[in-house]
């Protein structure tokens, strides 16, 4: 899951981003509306946690643009204006959910996950293919009944491959879906990540390399 946190209070933005990363999400941060618009033009996000009152471009304008562009990204408006009229107005703009400040972080995580499940159609909380299974809610993975101790990157790689249902996933798509903007796109991050995942899955490897294209899960 890739999330964009748009919040002009830097300490809060980094706190939210750090917490979501600990929950296994790839997270980018934008501190103003202009930067957010640029990020949205460059990357495909599952969820946008969007502060309404932003410097540069207002959060309302960003939300409208996403709706008009037909973006699949789900919008969670996060703002200090938490009255009924404010919530109704935010939802009328096209936001998918609305959470007032202050908020309980557990609720934020639950809402982000719920919105992500609605992106591109409803996705089951458990993914399976062959001997491999993944519990998205409990963040647990198994192969042939053996529990796998996966890092955030390894878990996310396995999730993307499972969602593809045997189709080939390019290295470029894996980099886009699993890593955030802090990764150098010219590194061998994908190859190393897949190698480590293969090691934990064990032999024979269920991950097939399609030369010059990407990877698929048997």
N, C-alpha and C. Protein backbone atom coordinates (compact mmCIF):
# COMPACT_ATOMS: atom_id res chain seq x y z
N UNK A 1 0.84 -1.18 0.00
CA UNK A 1 0.00 0.00 0.00
C UNK A 1 0.89 1.25 0.00
N UNK A 2 0.61 2.18 -0.89
CA UNK A 2 1.38 3.43 -0.94
C UNK A 2 0.46 4.59 -0.57
N UNK A 3 0.93 5.41 0.36
CA UNK A 3 0.13 6.49 0.93
C UNK A 3 0.86 7.81 0.80
N UNK A 4 0.12 8.86 0.48
CA UNK A 4 0.66 10.22 0.49
C UNK A 4 0.04 10.97 1.65
N UNK A 5 0.88 11.47 2.56
CA UNK A 5 0.43 12.28 3.69
C UNK A 5 0.66 13.75 3.33
N UNK A 6 -0.40 14.52 3.26
CA UNK A 6 -0.31 15.94 2.93
C UNK A 6 -0.71 16.74 4.16
N UNK A 7 0.28 17.33 4.80
CA UNK A 7 0.06 18.01 6.08
C UNK A 7 1.13 19.10 6.23
N UNK A 8 0.69 20.36 6.50
CA UNK A 8 1.66 21.45 6.55
C UNK A 8 2.38 21.55 7.89
N UNK A 9 1.89 20.89 8.94
CA UNK A 9 2.61 20.86 10.20
C UNK A 9 3.62 19.72 10.14
N UNK A 10 4.89 20.08 9.98
CA UNK A 10 5.91 19.10 9.67
C UNK A 10 6.02 18.00 10.72
N UNK A 11 5.96 18.37 12.00
CA UNK A 11 6.08 17.37 13.06
C UNK A 11 4.95 16.36 13.00
N UNK A 12 3.74 16.85 12.76
CA UNK A 12 2.60 15.93 12.65
C UNK A 12 2.72 15.07 11.41
N UNK A 13 3.13 15.68 10.30
CA UNK A 13 3.27 14.93 9.05
C UNK A 13 4.25 13.77 9.22
N UNK A 14 5.40 14.06 9.85
CA UNK A 14 6.41 13.02 10.03
C UNK A 14 5.96 11.98 11.04
N UNK A 15 5.22 12.40 12.06
CA UNK A 15 4.71 11.45 13.05
C UNK A 15 3.72 10.49 12.40
N UNK A 16 2.81 11.03 11.59
CA UNK A 16 1.84 10.18 10.91
C UNK A 16 2.54 9.25 9.94
N UNK A 17 3.49 9.79 9.16
CA UNK A 17 4.22 8.98 8.18
C UNK A 17 5.00 7.86 8.87
N UNK A 18 5.68 8.19 9.95
CA UNK A 18 6.46 7.18 10.68
C UNK A 18 5.56 6.07 11.21
N UNK A 19 4.41 6.46 11.77
CA UNK A 19 3.48 5.47 12.29
C UNK A 19 2.92 4.57 11.21
N UNK A 20 2.59 5.13 10.05
CA UNK A 20 2.06 4.32 8.95
C UNK A 20 3.13 3.39 8.39
N UNK A 21 4.37 3.88 8.35
CA UNK A 21 5.45 3.01 7.88
C UNK A 21 5.63 1.82 8.80
N UNK A 22 5.47 2.04 10.10
CA UNK A 22 5.58 0.93 11.06
C UNK A 22 4.46 -0.08 10.87
N UNK A 23 3.37 0.37 10.23
CA UNK A 23 2.26 -0.53 9.94
C UNK A 23 2.43 -1.23 8.60
N UNK A 24 3.61 -1.02 7.98
CA UNK A 24 3.91 -1.74 6.74
C UNK A 24 3.57 -1.02 5.47
N UNK A 25 3.31 0.29 5.54
CA UNK A 25 2.94 1.05 4.35
C UNK A 25 4.12 1.85 3.81
N UNK A 26 4.14 2.05 2.50
CA UNK A 26 5.12 2.95 1.88
C UNK A 26 4.50 4.34 1.89
N UNK A 27 5.19 5.31 2.48
CA UNK A 27 4.59 6.62 2.73
C UNK A 27 5.48 7.75 2.21
N UNK A 28 4.87 8.65 1.44
CA UNK A 28 5.51 9.90 1.03
C UNK A 28 4.85 11.04 1.78
N UNK A 29 5.56 12.16 1.90
CA UNK A 29 5.04 13.32 2.63
C UNK A 29 5.12 14.57 1.76
N UNK A 30 4.08 15.37 1.79
CA UNK A 30 4.06 16.69 1.15
C UNK A 30 3.61 17.70 2.19
N UNK A 31 4.35 18.81 2.30
CA UNK A 31 4.04 19.82 3.32
C UNK A 31 3.23 20.99 2.80
N UNK A 32 2.91 20.98 1.51
CA UNK A 32 2.07 22.05 0.95
C UNK A 32 1.31 21.51 -0.26
N UNK A 33 0.33 22.28 -0.70
CA UNK A 33 -0.52 21.82 -1.78
C UNK A 33 0.18 21.66 -3.11
N UNK A 34 1.12 22.55 -3.40
CA UNK A 34 1.85 22.45 -4.67
C UNK A 34 2.67 21.19 -4.76
N UNK A 35 3.38 20.85 -3.68
CA UNK A 35 4.17 19.63 -3.65
C UNK A 35 3.28 18.40 -3.75
N UNK A 36 2.13 18.46 -3.08
CA UNK A 36 1.19 17.34 -3.15
C UNK A 36 0.72 17.10 -4.58
N UNK A 37 0.38 18.18 -5.29
CA UNK A 37 -0.08 18.04 -6.68
C UNK A 37 1.01 17.43 -7.55
N UNK A 38 2.25 17.83 -7.31
CA UNK A 38 3.37 17.28 -8.08
C UNK A 38 3.55 15.79 -7.79
N UNK A 39 3.49 15.42 -6.50
CA UNK A 39 3.63 14.01 -6.14
C UNK A 39 2.52 13.16 -6.76
N UNK A 40 1.31 13.69 -6.74
CA UNK A 40 0.17 12.95 -7.29
C UNK A 40 0.29 12.77 -8.80
N UNK A 41 0.99 13.68 -9.47
CA UNK A 41 1.18 13.55 -10.91
C UNK A 41 2.27 12.53 -11.24
N UNK A 42 3.12 12.21 -10.26
CA UNK A 42 4.25 11.32 -10.50
C UNK A 42 3.99 9.89 -10.06
N UNK A 43 3.17 9.71 -9.02
CA UNK A 43 3.00 8.38 -8.43
C UNK A 43 1.52 8.01 -8.32
N UNK A 44 1.27 6.72 -8.33
CA UNK A 44 -0.08 6.20 -8.12
C UNK A 44 -0.22 5.81 -6.65
N UNK A 45 -1.07 6.52 -5.93
CA UNK A 45 -1.26 6.26 -4.50
C UNK A 45 -2.57 5.50 -4.27
N UNK A 46 -2.57 4.67 -3.24
CA UNK A 46 -3.80 3.99 -2.83
C UNK A 46 -4.66 4.92 -1.99
N UNK A 47 -4.01 5.65 -1.08
CA UNK A 47 -4.73 6.54 -0.17
C UNK A 47 -3.96 7.86 -0.04
N UNK A 48 -4.71 8.97 0.01
CA UNK A 48 -4.13 10.28 0.28
C UNK A 48 -4.72 10.80 1.59
N UNK A 49 -3.87 10.97 2.60
CA UNK A 49 -4.29 11.56 3.87
C UNK A 49 -4.09 13.06 3.70
N UNK A 50 -5.18 13.79 3.56
CA UNK A 50 -5.14 15.17 3.06
C UNK A 50 -5.64 16.18 4.08
N UNK A 51 -4.72 17.04 4.54
CA UNK A 51 -5.13 18.16 5.38
C UNK A 51 -5.89 19.15 4.51
N UNK A 52 -6.92 19.73 5.05
CA UNK A 52 -7.76 20.61 4.23
C UNK A 52 -7.15 22.00 4.06
N UNK A 53 -6.63 22.57 5.13
CA UNK A 53 -6.08 23.93 5.08
C UNK A 53 -4.58 23.86 4.82
N UNK A 54 -4.21 24.04 3.55
CA UNK A 54 -2.81 23.91 3.14
C UNK A 54 -2.31 25.21 2.53
N UNK A 55 -1.02 25.51 2.70
CA UNK A 55 -0.43 26.62 1.96
C UNK A 55 -0.27 26.24 0.49
N UNK A 56 -0.22 27.23 -0.37
CA UNK A 56 -0.13 26.95 -1.80
C UNK A 56 -1.50 26.61 -2.34
N UNK A 57 -1.70 25.40 -2.74
CA UNK A 57 -3.02 24.96 -3.21
C UNK A 57 -3.81 24.39 -2.03
N UNK A 58 -5.05 24.80 -1.92
CA UNK A 58 -5.91 24.35 -0.83
C UNK A 58 -6.23 22.87 -0.99
N UNK A 59 -6.42 22.19 0.13
CA UNK A 59 -6.77 20.78 0.10
C UNK A 59 -8.05 20.50 -0.66
N UNK A 60 -9.01 21.42 -0.60
CA UNK A 60 -10.27 21.25 -1.34
C UNK A 60 -10.00 21.16 -2.85
N UNK A 61 -9.10 22.00 -3.33
CA UNK A 61 -8.77 22.01 -4.76
C UNK A 61 -8.09 20.71 -5.17
N UNK A 62 -7.21 20.22 -4.33
CA UNK A 62 -6.54 18.95 -4.63
C UNK A 62 -7.54 17.81 -4.68
N UNK A 63 -8.47 17.80 -3.74
CA UNK A 63 -9.50 16.75 -3.71
C UNK A 63 -10.36 16.80 -4.96
N UNK A 64 -10.78 18.01 -5.35
CA UNK A 64 -11.59 18.17 -6.57
C UNK A 64 -10.84 17.65 -7.80
N UNK A 65 -9.55 18.00 -7.89
CA UNK A 65 -8.75 17.57 -9.03
C UNK A 65 -8.68 16.06 -9.13
N UNK A 66 -8.51 15.39 -7.99
CA UNK A 66 -8.44 13.93 -7.99
C UNK A 66 -9.74 13.32 -8.51
N UNK A 67 -10.85 13.89 -8.07
CA UNK A 67 -12.16 13.39 -8.51
C UNK A 67 -12.34 13.61 -10.00
N UNK A 68 -12.01 14.81 -10.48
CA UNK A 68 -12.19 15.15 -11.89
C UNK A 68 -11.29 14.31 -12.80
N UNK A 69 -10.12 13.96 -12.30
CA UNK A 69 -9.17 13.15 -13.08
C UNK A 69 -9.52 11.67 -13.05
N UNK A 70 -10.49 11.30 -12.25
CA UNK A 70 -10.87 9.90 -12.15
C UNK A 70 -9.84 9.05 -11.43
N UNK A 71 -9.09 9.67 -10.53
CA UNK A 71 -8.05 8.95 -9.79
C UNK A 71 -8.65 7.85 -8.93
N UNK A 72 -7.95 6.72 -8.85
CA UNK A 72 -8.40 5.62 -7.99
C UNK A 72 -7.96 5.82 -6.54
N UNK A 73 -7.13 6.84 -6.29
CA UNK A 73 -6.67 7.11 -4.92
C UNK A 73 -7.85 7.51 -4.05
N UNK A 74 -7.93 6.94 -2.85
CA UNK A 74 -8.98 7.28 -1.91
C UNK A 74 -8.48 8.43 -1.01
N UNK A 75 -9.37 9.35 -0.69
CA UNK A 75 -8.98 10.54 0.06
C UNK A 75 -9.56 10.50 1.47
N UNK A 76 -8.66 10.59 2.45
CA UNK A 76 -9.06 10.73 3.85
C UNK A 76 -8.71 12.16 4.27
N UNK A 77 -9.72 12.99 4.45
CA UNK A 77 -9.48 14.37 4.87
C UNK A 77 -9.18 14.39 6.37
N UNK A 78 -8.10 15.05 6.71
CA UNK A 78 -7.62 15.11 8.08
C UNK A 78 -7.49 16.58 8.44
N UNK A 79 -8.38 17.07 9.33
CA UNK A 79 -8.41 18.50 9.58
C UNK A 79 -8.91 18.83 10.98
N UNK A 80 -8.56 20.02 11.45
CA UNK A 80 -9.00 20.46 12.77
C UNK A 80 -10.46 20.86 12.77
N UNK A 81 -11.02 21.13 11.59
CA UNK A 81 -12.43 21.51 11.49
C UNK A 81 -13.27 20.24 11.45
N UNK A 82 -13.78 19.85 12.61
CA UNK A 82 -14.44 18.55 12.70
C UNK A 82 -15.94 18.60 12.92
N UNK A 83 -16.56 19.78 12.69
CA UNK A 83 -18.00 19.88 12.86
C UNK A 83 -18.76 19.15 11.78
N UNK A 84 -20.07 18.95 12.01
CA UNK A 84 -20.89 18.22 11.04
C UNK A 84 -20.87 18.91 9.68
N UNK A 85 -21.04 20.24 9.67
CA UNK A 85 -21.05 20.97 8.40
C UNK A 85 -19.73 20.81 7.66
N UNK A 86 -18.63 20.83 8.41
CA UNK A 86 -17.31 20.67 7.78
C UNK A 86 -17.17 19.27 7.17
N UNK A 87 -17.64 18.26 7.89
CA UNK A 87 -17.55 16.89 7.38
C UNK A 87 -18.40 16.73 6.13
N UNK A 88 -19.60 17.27 6.16
CA UNK A 88 -20.49 17.16 5.00
C UNK A 88 -19.87 17.86 3.79
N UNK A 89 -19.30 19.04 4.03
CA UNK A 89 -18.69 19.79 2.93
C UNK A 89 -17.50 19.03 2.34
N UNK A 90 -16.67 18.46 3.23
CA UNK A 90 -15.51 17.70 2.75
C UNK A 90 -15.92 16.49 1.93
N UNK A 91 -16.93 15.76 2.39
CA UNK A 91 -17.40 14.60 1.66
C UNK A 91 -18.04 15.00 0.34
N UNK A 92 -18.71 16.16 0.32
CA UNK A 92 -19.33 16.65 -0.90
C UNK A 92 -18.29 16.99 -1.97
N UNK A 93 -17.08 17.33 -1.53
CA UNK A 93 -16.01 17.64 -2.47
C UNK A 93 -15.48 16.39 -3.16
N UNK A 94 -15.79 15.24 -2.59
CA UNK A 94 -15.32 13.98 -3.17
C UNK A 94 -14.44 13.17 -2.25
N UNK A 95 -14.21 13.65 -1.02
CA UNK A 95 -13.41 12.87 -0.07
C UNK A 95 -14.16 11.58 0.25
N UNK A 96 -13.40 10.52 0.49
CA UNK A 96 -14.00 9.22 0.81
C UNK A 96 -14.24 9.05 2.30
N UNK A 97 -13.50 9.78 3.11
CA UNK A 97 -13.66 9.69 4.56
C UNK A 97 -13.14 10.99 5.16
N UNK A 98 -13.46 11.20 6.43
CA UNK A 98 -13.15 12.47 7.09
C UNK A 98 -12.81 12.18 8.54
N UNK A 99 -11.67 12.68 9.00
CA UNK A 99 -11.25 12.45 10.38
C UNK A 99 -10.77 13.77 10.97
N UNK A 100 -11.40 14.18 12.06
CA UNK A 100 -11.04 15.44 12.70
C UNK A 100 -9.87 15.30 13.66
N UNK A 101 -9.13 16.38 13.81
CA UNK A 101 -8.03 16.43 14.79
C UNK A 101 -8.58 16.94 16.12
N UNK A 102 -8.07 16.46 17.24
CA UNK A 102 -7.10 15.36 17.38
C UNK A 102 -7.77 14.02 17.11
N UNK A 103 -6.97 13.02 16.83
CA UNK A 103 -7.50 11.71 16.50
C UNK A 103 -6.66 10.62 17.16
N UNK A 104 -7.25 9.47 17.30
CA UNK A 104 -6.51 8.30 17.81
C UNK A 104 -5.80 7.65 16.63
N UNK A 105 -4.50 7.40 16.78
CA UNK A 105 -3.74 6.89 15.65
C UNK A 105 -4.27 5.54 15.17
N UNK A 106 -4.74 4.70 16.09
CA UNK A 106 -5.29 3.41 15.70
C UNK A 106 -6.47 3.57 14.76
N UNK A 107 -7.27 4.62 15.01
CA UNK A 107 -8.42 4.86 14.14
C UNK A 107 -7.95 5.32 12.76
N UNK A 108 -6.92 6.16 12.72
CA UNK A 108 -6.37 6.60 11.44
C UNK A 108 -5.91 5.40 10.62
N UNK A 109 -5.16 4.49 11.25
CA UNK A 109 -4.67 3.31 10.56
C UNK A 109 -5.83 2.47 10.03
N UNK A 110 -6.84 2.27 10.86
CA UNK A 110 -8.00 1.46 10.46
C UNK A 110 -8.72 2.09 9.27
N UNK A 111 -8.85 3.41 9.29
CA UNK A 111 -9.54 4.09 8.18
C UNK A 111 -8.72 4.03 6.90
N UNK A 112 -7.40 4.21 7.01
CA UNK A 112 -6.54 4.13 5.83
C UNK A 112 -6.61 2.74 5.21
N UNK A 113 -6.56 1.71 6.05
CA UNK A 113 -6.64 0.33 5.53
C UNK A 113 -7.99 0.06 4.89
N UNK A 114 -9.05 0.56 5.50
CA UNK A 114 -10.38 0.35 4.94
C UNK A 114 -10.51 1.02 3.58
N UNK A 115 -9.96 2.22 3.46
CA UNK A 115 -10.01 2.93 2.17
C UNK A 115 -9.18 2.21 1.12
N UNK A 116 -8.01 1.70 1.51
CA UNK A 116 -7.15 1.00 0.56
C UNK A 116 -7.83 -0.23 0.00
N UNK A 117 -8.66 -0.89 0.81
CA UNK A 117 -9.36 -2.08 0.33
C UNK A 117 -10.39 -1.73 -0.73
N UNK A 118 -10.79 -0.45 -0.77
CA UNK A 118 -11.78 -0.03 -1.77
C UNK A 118 -11.13 0.44 -3.06
N UNK A 119 -9.80 0.56 -3.09
CA UNK A 119 -9.10 1.03 -4.28
C UNK A 119 -9.11 -0.04 -5.35
N UNK A 120 -9.66 0.29 -6.51
CA UNK A 120 -9.69 -0.67 -7.62
C UNK A 120 -10.54 -1.90 -7.33
N UNK A 121 -11.52 -1.79 -6.46
CA UNK A 121 -12.37 -2.92 -6.13
C UNK A 121 -12.00 -3.54 -4.81
N UNK A 122 -12.93 -4.23 -4.22
CA UNK A 122 -12.70 -4.79 -2.89
C UNK A 122 -11.72 -5.96 -2.93
N UNK A 123 -10.76 -5.94 -2.04
CA UNK A 123 -9.75 -6.98 -1.97
C UNK A 123 -9.92 -7.78 -0.69
N UNK A 124 -9.86 -9.11 -0.75
CA UNK A 124 -9.99 -9.91 0.47
C UNK A 124 -8.82 -9.66 1.41
N UNK A 125 -9.06 -9.91 2.70
CA UNK A 125 -8.01 -9.70 3.69
C UNK A 125 -6.99 -10.83 3.67
N UNK A 126 -7.30 -11.94 3.00
CA UNK A 126 -6.37 -13.07 2.91
C UNK A 126 -6.11 -13.39 1.44
N UNK A 127 -4.85 -13.43 1.07
CA UNK A 127 -4.45 -13.75 -0.29
C UNK A 127 -3.73 -15.09 -0.28
N UNK A 128 -4.00 -15.93 -1.28
CA UNK A 128 -3.39 -17.25 -1.34
C UNK A 128 -3.04 -17.61 -2.77
N UNK A 129 -1.94 -18.32 -2.93
CA UNK A 129 -1.57 -18.90 -4.22
C UNK A 129 -0.62 -20.05 -3.95
N UNK A 130 -0.98 -21.24 -4.40
CA UNK A 130 -0.15 -22.40 -4.13
C UNK A 130 0.00 -22.62 -2.63
N UNK A 131 1.25 -22.72 -2.18
CA UNK A 131 1.53 -22.95 -0.77
C UNK A 131 1.63 -21.66 0.03
N UNK A 132 1.55 -20.52 -0.66
CA UNK A 132 1.79 -19.23 -0.01
C UNK A 132 0.48 -18.55 0.35
N UNK A 133 0.40 -18.06 1.56
CA UNK A 133 -0.79 -17.32 1.98
C UNK A 133 -0.38 -16.10 2.80
N UNK A 134 -1.23 -15.08 2.73
CA UNK A 134 -0.92 -13.80 3.37
C UNK A 134 -2.18 -13.28 4.06
N UNK A 135 -2.06 -12.95 5.33
CA UNK A 135 -3.15 -12.35 6.10
C UNK A 135 -2.86 -10.86 6.20
N UNK A 136 -3.58 -10.05 5.41
CA UNK A 136 -3.31 -8.62 5.35
C UNK A 136 -3.69 -7.93 6.65
N UNK A 137 -4.77 -8.36 7.27
CA UNK A 137 -5.20 -7.73 8.51
C UNK A 137 -4.23 -7.97 9.66
N UNK A 138 -3.79 -9.22 9.81
CA UNK A 138 -2.87 -9.56 10.89
C UNK A 138 -1.41 -9.42 10.53
N UNK A 139 -1.14 -9.08 9.25
CA UNK A 139 0.23 -8.91 8.74
C UNK A 139 1.07 -10.17 9.04
N UNK A 140 0.54 -11.30 8.61
CA UNK A 140 1.24 -12.56 8.78
C UNK A 140 1.29 -13.30 7.44
N UNK A 141 2.36 -14.07 7.24
CA UNK A 141 2.53 -14.82 6.01
C UNK A 141 2.98 -16.25 6.33
N UNK A 142 2.57 -17.19 5.46
CA UNK A 142 2.94 -18.59 5.64
C UNK A 142 3.29 -19.21 4.29
N UNK A 143 4.11 -20.23 4.34
CA UNK A 143 4.29 -21.12 3.19
C UNK A 143 4.19 -22.55 3.68
N UNK A 144 3.24 -23.26 3.13
CA UNK A 144 3.00 -24.66 3.51
C UNK A 144 2.85 -24.79 5.02
N UNK A 145 2.15 -23.84 5.63
CA UNK A 145 1.91 -23.88 7.06
C UNK A 145 3.03 -23.35 7.92
N UNK A 146 4.16 -22.99 7.29
CA UNK A 146 5.31 -22.45 8.04
C UNK A 146 5.22 -20.93 8.10
N UNK A 147 5.23 -20.39 9.29
CA UNK A 147 5.15 -18.95 9.47
C UNK A 147 6.41 -18.27 8.96
N UNK A 148 6.26 -17.20 8.21
CA UNK A 148 7.39 -16.46 7.63
C UNK A 148 7.61 -15.17 8.39
N UNK A 149 8.84 -14.90 8.73
CA UNK A 149 9.20 -13.67 9.42
C UNK A 149 9.68 -12.67 8.36
N UNK A 150 8.76 -11.83 7.86
CA UNK A 150 9.06 -10.93 6.75
C UNK A 150 9.21 -9.49 7.22
N UNK A 151 10.13 -8.78 6.58
CA UNK A 151 10.25 -7.34 6.80
C UNK A 151 9.11 -6.63 6.09
N UNK A 152 8.97 -5.32 6.30
CA UNK A 152 7.91 -4.57 5.63
C UNK A 152 8.05 -4.69 4.11
N UNK A 153 9.27 -4.54 3.61
CA UNK A 153 9.50 -4.60 2.17
C UNK A 153 9.16 -5.99 1.62
N UNK A 154 9.60 -7.03 2.30
CA UNK A 154 9.34 -8.39 1.85
C UNK A 154 7.85 -8.71 1.86
N UNK A 155 7.16 -8.26 2.90
CA UNK A 155 5.71 -8.48 3.00
C UNK A 155 5.00 -7.78 1.83
N UNK A 156 5.39 -6.53 1.58
CA UNK A 156 4.76 -5.75 0.51
C UNK A 156 5.04 -6.36 -0.86
N UNK A 157 6.26 -6.83 -1.08
CA UNK A 157 6.58 -7.49 -2.36
C UNK A 157 5.71 -8.72 -2.56
N UNK A 158 5.58 -9.52 -1.52
CA UNK A 158 4.76 -10.73 -1.62
C UNK A 158 3.30 -10.37 -1.87
N UNK A 159 2.83 -9.32 -1.23
CA UNK A 159 1.44 -8.89 -1.45
C UNK A 159 1.19 -8.51 -2.90
N UNK A 160 2.08 -7.71 -3.49
CA UNK A 160 1.92 -7.29 -4.88
C UNK A 160 1.93 -8.49 -5.82
N UNK A 161 2.85 -9.43 -5.58
CA UNK A 161 2.93 -10.62 -6.44
C UNK A 161 1.68 -11.49 -6.29
N UNK A 162 1.16 -11.62 -5.08
CA UNK A 162 -0.06 -12.40 -4.88
C UNK A 162 -1.26 -11.75 -5.55
N UNK A 163 -1.35 -10.43 -5.46
CA UNK A 163 -2.46 -9.72 -6.09
C UNK A 163 -2.45 -9.90 -7.61
N UNK A 164 -1.27 -10.10 -8.19
CA UNK A 164 -1.15 -10.24 -9.64
C UNK A 164 -1.69 -11.58 -10.14
N UNK A 165 -1.91 -12.54 -9.23
CA UNK A 165 -2.53 -13.83 -9.54
C UNK A 165 -1.80 -14.56 -10.66
N UNK A 166 -0.48 -14.59 -10.59
CA UNK A 166 0.30 -15.33 -11.57
C UNK A 166 0.79 -14.52 -12.76
N UNK A 167 0.27 -13.31 -12.93
CA UNK A 167 0.74 -12.45 -14.01
C UNK A 167 2.11 -11.88 -13.65
N UNK A 168 2.85 -11.48 -14.66
CA UNK A 168 4.18 -10.91 -14.44
C UNK A 168 4.05 -9.48 -13.95
N UNK A 169 4.82 -9.14 -12.92
CA UNK A 169 4.87 -7.78 -12.39
C UNK A 169 6.25 -7.22 -12.71
N UNK A 170 6.30 -6.08 -13.37
CA UNK A 170 7.58 -5.51 -13.77
C UNK A 170 8.34 -4.98 -12.56
N UNK A 171 9.66 -4.87 -12.71
CA UNK A 171 10.48 -4.29 -11.64
C UNK A 171 10.07 -2.86 -11.37
N UNK A 172 9.69 -2.14 -12.43
CA UNK A 172 9.27 -0.74 -12.27
C UNK A 172 8.02 -0.64 -11.42
N UNK A 173 7.06 -1.55 -11.65
CA UNK A 173 5.83 -1.51 -10.86
C UNK A 173 6.09 -1.89 -9.41
N UNK A 174 6.96 -2.86 -9.19
CA UNK A 174 7.30 -3.24 -7.82
C UNK A 174 7.96 -2.06 -7.09
N UNK A 175 8.84 -1.35 -7.77
CA UNK A 175 9.49 -0.19 -7.15
C UNK A 175 8.46 0.88 -6.80
N UNK A 176 7.49 1.07 -7.68
CA UNK A 176 6.45 2.09 -7.47
C UNK A 176 5.51 1.72 -6.33
N UNK A 177 5.14 0.44 -6.24
CA UNK A 177 4.13 0.03 -5.28
C UNK A 177 4.69 -0.26 -3.89
N UNK A 178 5.96 -0.65 -3.80
CA UNK A 178 6.50 -1.13 -2.53
C UNK A 178 7.36 -0.09 -1.82
N UNK A 179 8.14 0.66 -2.58
CA UNK A 179 9.04 1.64 -1.98
C UNK A 179 8.45 3.05 -2.05
N UNK A 180 8.94 3.96 -1.19
CA UNK A 180 8.48 5.34 -1.26
C UNK A 180 9.54 6.20 -1.94
N UNK A 181 9.34 7.52 -1.92
CA UNK A 181 10.20 8.42 -2.68
C UNK A 181 11.63 8.47 -2.18
N UNK A 182 11.89 7.91 -1.01
CA UNK A 182 13.24 7.96 -0.45
C UNK A 182 14.19 6.98 -1.13
N UNK A 183 13.66 6.03 -1.91
CA UNK A 183 14.52 5.06 -2.56
C UNK A 183 15.11 5.65 -3.84
N UNK A 184 16.35 5.32 -4.14
CA UNK A 184 16.98 5.73 -5.39
C UNK A 184 16.51 4.80 -6.50
N UNK A 185 15.79 5.34 -7.51
CA UNK A 185 15.24 4.48 -8.56
C UNK A 185 16.31 3.78 -9.40
N UNK A 186 17.56 4.20 -9.28
CA UNK A 186 18.62 3.60 -10.08
C UNK A 186 19.41 2.54 -9.31
N UNK A 187 18.93 2.20 -8.11
CA UNK A 187 19.59 1.16 -7.33
C UNK A 187 19.03 -0.21 -7.72
N UNK A 188 19.59 -1.25 -7.13
CA UNK A 188 19.10 -2.62 -7.38
C UNK A 188 18.18 -3.06 -6.25
N UNK A 189 17.40 -2.11 -5.70
CA UNK A 189 16.54 -2.39 -4.54
C UNK A 189 15.58 -3.53 -4.82
N UNK A 190 14.98 -3.56 -6.00
CA UNK A 190 13.99 -4.60 -6.31
C UNK A 190 14.66 -5.97 -6.35
N UNK A 191 15.78 -6.07 -7.03
CA UNK A 191 16.48 -7.35 -7.13
C UNK A 191 16.89 -7.88 -5.75
N UNK A 192 17.41 -6.98 -4.92
CA UNK A 192 17.83 -7.38 -3.58
C UNK A 192 16.62 -7.78 -2.74
N UNK A 193 15.53 -7.01 -2.84
CA UNK A 193 14.32 -7.32 -2.08
C UNK A 193 13.75 -8.67 -2.45
N UNK A 194 13.70 -8.96 -3.75
CA UNK A 194 13.18 -10.25 -4.22
C UNK A 194 14.10 -11.38 -3.77
N UNK A 195 15.41 -11.15 -3.82
CA UNK A 195 16.36 -12.18 -3.39
C UNK A 195 16.15 -12.53 -1.92
N UNK A 196 15.94 -11.52 -1.08
CA UNK A 196 15.73 -11.77 0.35
C UNK A 196 14.39 -12.47 0.59
N UNK A 197 13.36 -12.09 -0.18
CA UNK A 197 12.06 -12.75 -0.04
C UNK A 197 12.17 -14.22 -0.45
N UNK A 198 12.87 -14.49 -1.55
CA UNK A 198 13.06 -15.87 -1.99
C UNK A 198 13.73 -16.71 -0.89
N UNK A 199 14.73 -16.12 -0.26
CA UNK A 199 15.47 -16.83 0.78
C UNK A 199 14.54 -17.24 1.92
N UNK A 200 13.62 -16.35 2.29
CA UNK A 200 12.72 -16.65 3.40
C UNK A 200 11.60 -17.61 2.99
N UNK A 201 11.21 -17.57 1.72
CA UNK A 201 10.19 -18.50 1.24
C UNK A 201 10.74 -19.92 1.16
N UNK A 202 12.04 -20.03 0.90
CA UNK A 202 12.66 -21.34 0.83
C UNK A 202 12.57 -21.98 -0.55
N UNK A 203 13.20 -23.15 -0.66
CA UNK A 203 13.23 -23.88 -1.94
C UNK A 203 12.15 -24.96 -1.98
N UNK A 204 11.64 -25.27 -3.17
CA UNK A 204 11.90 -24.58 -4.43
C UNK A 204 11.21 -23.21 -4.44
N UNK A 205 11.85 -22.22 -5.04
CA UNK A 205 11.29 -20.88 -5.00
C UNK A 205 10.01 -20.77 -5.83
N UNK A 206 8.97 -20.16 -5.28
CA UNK A 206 7.75 -19.96 -6.06
C UNK A 206 7.80 -18.69 -6.91
N UNK A 207 8.88 -17.89 -6.77
CA UNK A 207 9.01 -16.65 -7.52
C UNK A 207 9.82 -16.91 -8.78
N UNK A 208 9.21 -16.67 -9.93
CA UNK A 208 9.86 -16.91 -11.21
C UNK A 208 10.33 -15.57 -11.79
N UNK A 209 11.59 -15.54 -12.23
CA UNK A 209 12.11 -14.36 -12.91
C UNK A 209 11.83 -14.47 -14.40
N UNK A 210 11.17 -13.45 -14.96
CA UNK A 210 10.93 -13.39 -16.40
C UNK A 210 11.94 -12.40 -16.96
N UNK A 211 12.96 -12.91 -17.62
CA UNK A 211 14.10 -12.10 -18.04
C UNK A 211 13.68 -10.87 -18.82
N UNK A 212 14.18 -9.72 -18.37
CA UNK A 212 13.91 -8.46 -19.06
C UNK A 212 12.53 -7.90 -18.82
N UNK A 213 11.71 -8.59 -18.02
CA UNK A 213 10.33 -8.13 -17.78
C UNK A 213 10.07 -7.90 -16.29
N UNK A 214 10.19 -8.96 -15.48
CA UNK A 214 9.91 -8.81 -14.06
C UNK A 214 9.81 -10.14 -13.36
N UNK A 215 8.80 -10.26 -12.50
CA UNK A 215 8.67 -11.47 -11.66
C UNK A 215 7.20 -11.88 -11.59
N UNK A 216 7.00 -13.17 -11.37
CA UNK A 216 5.64 -13.67 -11.14
C UNK A 216 5.70 -14.77 -10.10
N UNK A 217 4.55 -15.02 -9.46
CA UNK A 217 4.45 -16.05 -8.42
C UNK A 217 3.74 -17.25 -8.99
N UNK A 218 4.39 -18.41 -8.91
CA UNK A 218 3.77 -19.64 -9.44
C UNK A 218 2.61 -20.10 -8.57
